[in-house]
Protein backbone atom coordinates (compact mmCIF):
# COMPACT_ATOMS: atom_id res chain seq x y z
CA MET A 1 6.22 -0.63 14.48
CA ASN A 2 4.91 -3.54 12.51
CA ILE A 3 6.44 -5.38 9.65
CA VAL A 4 4.83 -7.26 6.84
CA TYR A 5 6.24 -8.97 3.87
CA SER A 6 5.67 -8.03 0.24
CA LYS A 7 5.16 -10.45 -2.63
CA ASN A 8 8.89 -10.09 -3.23
CA LYS A 9 9.47 -11.28 0.32
CA VAL A 10 10.90 -7.87 1.37
CA PRO A 11 10.01 -6.85 5.08
CA ILE A 12 7.97 -3.50 4.67
CA ARG A 13 7.78 -1.30 7.91
CA LEU A 14 4.86 0.73 9.11
CA THR A 15 6.21 2.92 11.72
CA GLU A 16 4.10 4.89 14.31
CA GLU A 17 5.21 8.12 12.83
CA ARG A 18 4.19 7.18 9.40
CA TRP A 19 0.82 5.88 10.58
CA VAL A 20 0.13 9.15 12.23
CA HIS A 21 0.99 11.06 9.08
CA ILE A 22 -1.33 8.82 7.06
CA THR A 23 -4.41 9.18 9.40
CA GLU A 24 -3.78 12.90 9.79
CA GLU A 25 -3.80 13.36 5.96
CA HIS A 26 -6.44 10.60 5.08
CA ASN A 27 -8.62 10.22 8.26
CA GLU A 28 -10.83 7.59 6.44
CA ILE A 29 -8.03 5.14 6.90
CA ALA A 30 -7.93 5.37 10.77
CA GLY A 31 -9.88 2.10 11.12
CA TYR A 32 -7.93 0.22 8.68
CA TYR A 33 -4.57 -0.40 10.22
CA PHE A 34 -4.52 -4.11 9.88
CA GLU A 35 -6.08 -4.03 6.40
CA VAL A 36 -3.14 -1.52 5.28
CA LEU A 37 -0.79 -4.28 6.39
CA GLU A 38 -2.80 -7.08 4.61
CA VAL A 39 -2.86 -5.31 1.34
CA ILE A 40 0.94 -5.36 1.38
CA SER A 41 1.17 -9.15 1.86
CA ASP A 42 -2.02 -10.00 0.01
CA PRO A 43 -3.03 -7.40 -2.62
CA GLU A 44 -5.35 -7.74 -5.52
CA ALA A 45 -2.68 -6.14 -7.79
CA ILE A 46 0.64 -4.19 -7.54
CA TYR A 47 1.47 -1.56 -9.97
CA LYS A 48 4.73 0.45 -10.62
CA GLY A 49 4.82 3.99 -9.43
CA LYS A 50 6.57 7.01 -11.34
CA GLU A 51 9.49 6.97 -8.79
CA GLY A 52 9.85 3.33 -8.62
CA GLU A 53 7.57 2.70 -5.57
CA CYS A 54 5.04 -0.10 -5.61
CA ILE A 55 1.26 0.70 -5.61
CA ALA A 56 -0.59 -2.25 -3.83
CA VAL A 57 -4.36 -2.25 -4.38
CA ARG A 58 -7.22 -4.36 -2.94
CA PRO A 59 -10.97 -3.69 -2.62
CA VAL A 60 -12.26 -3.14 0.82
CA GLU A 61 -16.05 -2.78 -0.11
CA GLU A 62 -18.31 -2.54 -3.23
CA GLY A 63 -16.60 0.07 -5.59
CA LYS A 64 -14.12 1.36 -2.81
CA TYR A 65 -10.28 0.34 -2.91
CA LEU A 66 -7.54 0.74 -0.41
CA ILE A 67 -4.43 2.01 -2.08
CA ILE A 68 -1.03 1.42 -0.31
CA ILE A 69 2.21 3.05 -1.71
CA TYR A 70 5.32 1.67 -0.51
CA ARG A 71 9.12 1.15 -1.57
CA GLU A 72 11.35 -1.64 -1.44
CA ILE A 73 14.75 -0.12 -0.66
CA SER A 74 16.61 -3.57 -0.86
CA LYS A 75 15.86 -7.16 -0.32
CA GLU A 76 16.08 -6.63 3.38
CA ASP A 77 14.19 -3.47 3.96
CA GLY A 78 11.16 -1.33 2.68
CA PHE A 79 8.63 1.00 4.17
CA ILE A 80 5.06 2.31 3.55
CA ILE A 81 4.81 5.73 2.15
CA THR A 82 1.27 6.47 2.47
CA ALA A 83 -2.24 4.78 2.18
CA PHE A 84 -5.75 6.10 1.01
CA MET A 85 -9.19 4.93 -0.20
CA THR A 86 -10.47 5.72 -3.59
CA LYS A 87 -13.34 4.65 -5.83
CA ARG A 88 -11.44 5.64 -8.95
CA ILE A 89 -9.01 2.81 -9.93
CA LYS A 90 -8.96 3.22 -13.67
CA TYR A 91 -5.72 5.50 -13.67
CA LEU A 92 -3.90 2.56 -12.00
CA GLU A 93 -4.80 0.36 -14.97
CA ARG A 94 -2.54 2.56 -17.26
CA LYS A 95 0.34 1.89 -15.09
CA GLN A 96 2.83 -1.05 -15.50
CA LYS A 97 1.43 -3.99 -13.59
CA LEU A 98 4.21 -5.74 -11.38
CA TRP A 99 1.83 -8.56 -9.89
CA PRO A 100 0.36 -10.87 -10.70
C-alpha cells in the first residue's frame, strides 16, 4: 500500500486490492502506477464528484488525460476509488472546480 497527500494535506491510500481492481477494469492504466499517485499530489485541477468524491486530472500526453477519483473520509484518511484515461475532458469542466 502506498500513501500520497492530496492538496488538502489528507493522506490518500492506494491499496494493492484497489490497484488490481483498477488495472483489471482499465488495463491501459497498468504502467501508470506512480503517475496515478502523482496526480493526487500534483493535479492540473480537482473537481467535485456527484457523491462528494474528488476528481483529480492531469494530462499524460497530447490530448490524453489521467483521471483519478478519490475520497477524503476525514483529515486523516482517504482512498483512491478508481483511475482511467480519457481524451474527453469537457464533461469535467461543467463540474464544480475545487482546485485551483
